Protein backbone atom coordinates (compact mmCIF):
# COMPACT_ATOMS: atom_id res chain seq x y z
CA MET A 1 98.21 121.03 71.66
CA ASN A 2 95.60 121.15 68.70
CA ALA A 3 94.05 117.77 69.22
CA VAL A 4 92.38 117.77 65.78
CA ASP A 5 95.57 118.31 63.88
CA PHE A 6 97.60 116.10 66.18
CA ILE A 7 94.88 113.24 65.28
CA LYS A 8 94.76 113.92 61.60
CA LYS A 9 98.72 113.89 61.52
CA HIS A 10 99.07 110.62 63.32
CA LYS A 11 96.07 108.94 61.89
CA LEU A 12 96.02 105.84 64.66
CA VAL A 13 94.11 105.99 67.98
CA ALA A 14 94.81 103.03 70.12
CA ILE A 15 91.81 102.34 72.17
CA ALA A 16 92.43 101.11 75.73
CA ARG A 17 89.38 99.09 76.90
CA LYS A 18 88.88 97.46 80.27
CA ILE A 19 92.76 97.84 81.09
CA ALA A 20 93.20 98.09 84.80
CA PRO A 21 94.73 101.51 85.89
CA GLY A 22 97.75 99.80 87.19
CA PHE A 23 98.80 98.57 83.82
CA ILE A 24 97.89 101.78 81.88
CA VAL A 25 101.01 103.64 81.83
CA ARG A 26 103.24 100.57 80.70
CA ALA A 27 100.76 99.77 78.08
CA ALA A 28 100.71 103.51 76.89
CA GLN A 29 104.55 103.60 76.93
CA ALA A 30 104.58 100.48 74.82
CA VAL A 31 102.38 101.64 72.08
CA TYR A 32 104.08 104.75 71.94
CA SER A 33 107.51 102.99 71.54
CA GLY A 34 105.68 101.41 68.62
CA GLY A 35 104.99 104.57 66.99
CA ILE A 36 101.40 105.41 68.03
CA ARG A 37 100.83 108.66 69.40
CA CYS A 38 97.03 108.91 70.17
CA LEU A 39 95.47 107.06 73.02
CA GLU A 40 91.68 106.68 73.89
CA ILE A 41 90.98 105.29 77.47
CA THR A 42 87.39 104.50 77.59
CA PHE A 43 84.85 104.44 80.46
CA ASP A 44 83.56 101.03 81.37
CA GLN A 45 79.72 101.73 82.00
CA ALA A 46 79.29 98.39 83.68
CA SER A 47 81.79 99.29 86.47
CA LEU A 48 80.72 101.35 89.34
CA SER A 49 84.31 102.92 89.52
CA CYS A 50 84.61 103.73 86.05
CA ILE A 51 84.79 107.54 86.63
CA GLU A 52 87.55 107.30 89.28
CA ASP A 53 89.40 104.50 87.36
CA THR A 54 89.30 106.37 83.80
CA ALA A 55 90.15 109.66 85.42
CA PHE A 56 93.26 108.11 87.20
CA SER A 57 94.34 106.39 83.99
CA ILE A 58 94.13 109.51 81.95
CA ALA A 59 95.92 111.73 84.34
CA SER A 60 98.59 108.93 84.81
CA VAL A 61 99.25 108.72 81.10
CA LYS A 62 99.48 112.32 80.45
CA LYS A 63 101.61 112.77 83.65
CA ALA A 64 104.05 109.96 82.12
CA LEU A 65 103.98 111.00 78.39
CA GLY A 66 102.74 114.85 78.47
CA ASP A 67 102.07 116.26 75.20
CA ASP A 68 103.89 113.70 73.37
CA VAL A 69 100.75 111.76 73.12
CA CYS A 70 97.05 113.06 72.49
CA VAL A 71 94.84 111.38 75.12
CA GLY A 72 91.16 111.04 74.76
CA ALA A 73 88.47 109.70 76.89
CA GLY A 74 86.18 107.05 75.36
CA THR A 75 82.64 105.86 75.54
CA VAL A 76 81.65 108.99 77.22
CA VAL A 77 77.83 109.14 77.57
CA THR A 78 77.10 111.61 80.15
CA ILE A 79 78.14 115.31 81.28
CA GLU A 80 79.50 113.89 84.36
CA GLN A 81 82.06 111.82 82.51
CA VAL A 82 82.88 114.85 80.37
CA LYS A 83 83.87 116.91 83.46
CA ALA A 84 85.83 114.04 84.95
CA ALA A 85 87.91 113.64 81.54
CA HIS A 86 88.53 117.38 81.43
CA GLU A 87 89.66 117.43 85.10
CA ALA A 88 92.11 114.41 84.42
CA GLY A 89 93.60 116.40 81.56
CA ALA A 90 91.90 114.52 78.32
CA ASP A 91 92.60 116.21 75.02
CA PHE A 92 89.38 114.89 73.31
CA VAL A 93 86.25 113.07 73.96
CA LEU A 94 84.74 110.09 72.14
CA SER A 95 81.38 108.65 72.57
CA PRO A 96 79.44 105.73 70.92
CA ASP A 97 76.50 107.91 70.20
CA THR A 98 75.67 111.51 69.25
CA ASN A 99 74.24 113.52 72.43
CA PRO A 100 74.28 117.37 71.74
CA LEU A 101 74.48 117.82 75.60
CA VAL A 102 77.67 116.03 75.84
CA ILE A 103 79.18 117.66 72.70
CA ALA A 104 78.03 121.17 74.07
CA GLU A 105 79.87 120.09 77.29
CA THR A 106 83.05 119.00 75.79
CA LYS A 107 83.32 122.15 73.72
CA LYS A 108 82.52 124.36 76.54
CA LEU A 109 85.54 122.87 78.51
CA GLY A 110 87.88 123.30 75.56
CA MET A 111 88.38 119.72 74.35
CA ILE A 112 87.72 118.11 71.04
CA SER A 113 84.48 116.26 70.21
CA VAL A 114 84.34 112.99 68.49
CA PRO A 115 80.63 111.53 68.55
CA GLY A 116 79.81 108.31 67.18
CA ALA A 117 77.41 108.11 64.15
CA MET A 118 76.56 105.55 61.49
CA THR A 119 73.82 107.13 58.96
CA PRO A 120 74.24 110.52 56.90
CA THR A 121 71.61 111.78 59.08
CA GLU A 122 73.50 111.02 62.12
CA ILE A 123 76.76 112.23 60.81
CA MET A 124 75.39 115.55 59.64
CA TYR A 125 73.70 115.81 63.06
CA ALA A 126 76.75 115.24 64.90
CA TYR A 127 78.65 117.70 62.85
CA ASN A 128 76.02 120.48 63.04
CA SER A 129 75.99 119.93 66.89
CA GLY A 130 79.55 120.87 67.17
CA ALA A 131 81.46 117.71 66.37
CA ASP A 132 85.30 118.19 65.31
CA ILE A 133 85.56 114.70 63.92
CA VAL A 134 82.77 112.26 63.77
CA LYS A 135 83.48 108.69 64.49
CA VAL A 136 81.87 106.25 61.94
CA PHE A 137 80.94 103.14 63.98
CA PRO A 138 81.03 100.28 63.10
CA ALA A 139 83.02 101.23 60.16
CA GLY A 140 84.77 97.93 59.68
CA PHE A 141 81.52 95.99 59.28
CA LEU A 142 79.80 98.57 57.16
CA GLY A 143 82.72 98.40 54.64
CA LEU A 144 84.35 100.93 52.45
CA ASP A 145 81.57 100.80 49.78
CA TYR A 146 79.22 102.23 52.41
CA TYR A 147 81.74 104.89 53.34
CA LYS A 148 82.21 105.95 49.75
CA ALA A 149 78.60 106.21 49.12
CA VAL A 150 78.15 108.43 52.30
CA ARG A 151 81.31 110.47 51.43
CA ALA A 152 80.10 111.66 47.96
CA PRO A 153 77.64 114.06 49.38
CA ILE A 154 79.45 114.49 52.99
CA ASN A 155 82.93 115.13 51.87
CA HIS A 156 83.51 118.41 54.37
CA VAL A 157 82.93 116.27 57.50
CA PRO A 158 86.19 114.61 58.99
CA LEU A 159 85.61 111.14 59.68
CA MET A 160 87.10 108.65 62.07
CA ALA A 161 86.78 104.90 61.23
CA VAL A 162 86.19 102.77 64.39
CA GLY A 163 84.92 99.15 64.79
CA GLY A 164 86.29 96.14 62.95
CA ILE A 165 89.74 98.08 61.93
CA ASP A 166 92.52 95.71 61.93
CA GLU A 167 96.27 95.45 60.27
CA THR A 168 94.92 94.03 57.10
CA ASN A 169 92.46 96.94 56.34
CA VAL A 170 93.60 99.91 58.06
CA ALA A 171 95.46 101.53 55.40
CA SER A 172 92.65 101.14 52.99
CA PHE A 173 90.42 103.13 55.25
CA LEU A 174 92.93 105.89 55.36
CA GLU A 175 93.55 105.58 51.56
CA ALA A 176 89.65 105.96 51.19
CA GLY A 177 89.68 109.29 52.92
CA TYR A 178 89.29 108.58 56.62
CA CYS A 179 91.12 111.21 58.48
CA SER A 180 92.06 108.50 61.37
CA CYS A 181 91.44 105.17 62.50
CA GLY A 182 90.58 103.95 65.98
CA ILE A 183 91.96 100.32 66.78
CA GLY A 184 90.96 98.56 69.91
CA SER A 185 91.66 94.77 70.79
CA ASN A 186 93.58 94.35 67.76
CA ILE A 187 96.33 96.49 69.30
CA MET A 188 95.46 97.02 73.13
CA LYS A 189 95.39 93.22 73.78
CA ASN A 190 94.42 92.55 77.40
CA ALA A 191 96.18 89.30 77.49
CA LEU A 192 99.54 90.73 76.66
CA ILE A 193 99.09 93.60 78.88
CA GLU A 194 98.06 91.52 81.96
CA GLU A 195 100.98 89.24 81.25
CA CYS A 196 103.25 92.36 80.90
CA LYS A 197 104.30 91.53 77.55
CA TYR A 198 104.89 95.19 76.56
CA GLU A 199 107.69 94.26 73.96
CA ALA A 200 105.15 92.23 72.03
CA LEU A 201 102.68 95.01 72.56
CA SER A 202 105.12 97.57 70.98
CA LEU A 203 105.98 95.24 68.20
CA LEU A 204 102.05 94.96 67.47
CA ALA A 205 101.65 98.77 67.29
CA GLY A 206 104.70 99.21 65.07
CA LYS A 207 103.14 96.81 62.31
CA PHE A 208 100.09 99.09 62.47
CA VAL A 209 102.24 102.07 62.16
CA LYS A 210 104.29 100.58 59.42
CA SER A 211 101.27 99.49 57.25
CA CYS A 212 99.96 103.19 57.49
CA GLU A 213 103.32 105.03 56.84
CA ALA A 214 102.20 106.21 53.24
CA TYR A 215 99.40 108.28 54.88
CA VAL A 216 101.23 109.82 58.04
């Protein structure tokens, strides 16, 4: 799988944050049924078992859905977490920040690197450090005017919009030129998952996919 091409093709990345390992496969299958093909499973830095839990979740989803989905590890802030993501079968690594050591280890292990950045300096630092895609965070709160101003001189770096992206604005971010958008609790609603309302989760994912069909 070429994860960069896969992400650019399918556009939407559902972000699974603080979802218990016992629920993750059914949740992934539900959003897959709704049309989403990219999933980020985050490390919960406040949890003492975050490495074990996230690695188990990534491995479980890859076993269930294989290369029909592109699975990434999210909120990766240490080399130990990069290695755990790789051993679990992750296709890409996302971070909230730009850490050149994390980027280097990700690339060394053959995964796609998506570090987080906000300012033009941070975006270029991430890209020059080896990032394949740079995650602009929090994109939804910075707004499209900010993006357009930054994009004028930095038009060669693939950017993913994350933070504050919902059903009402996701198409606008893709239309503006972001190569993809990451959506967390606006799709991966813990309340629906914990109540096993997977059909509702699938329908919600489908609404996002439909709103972006002109760009996929």
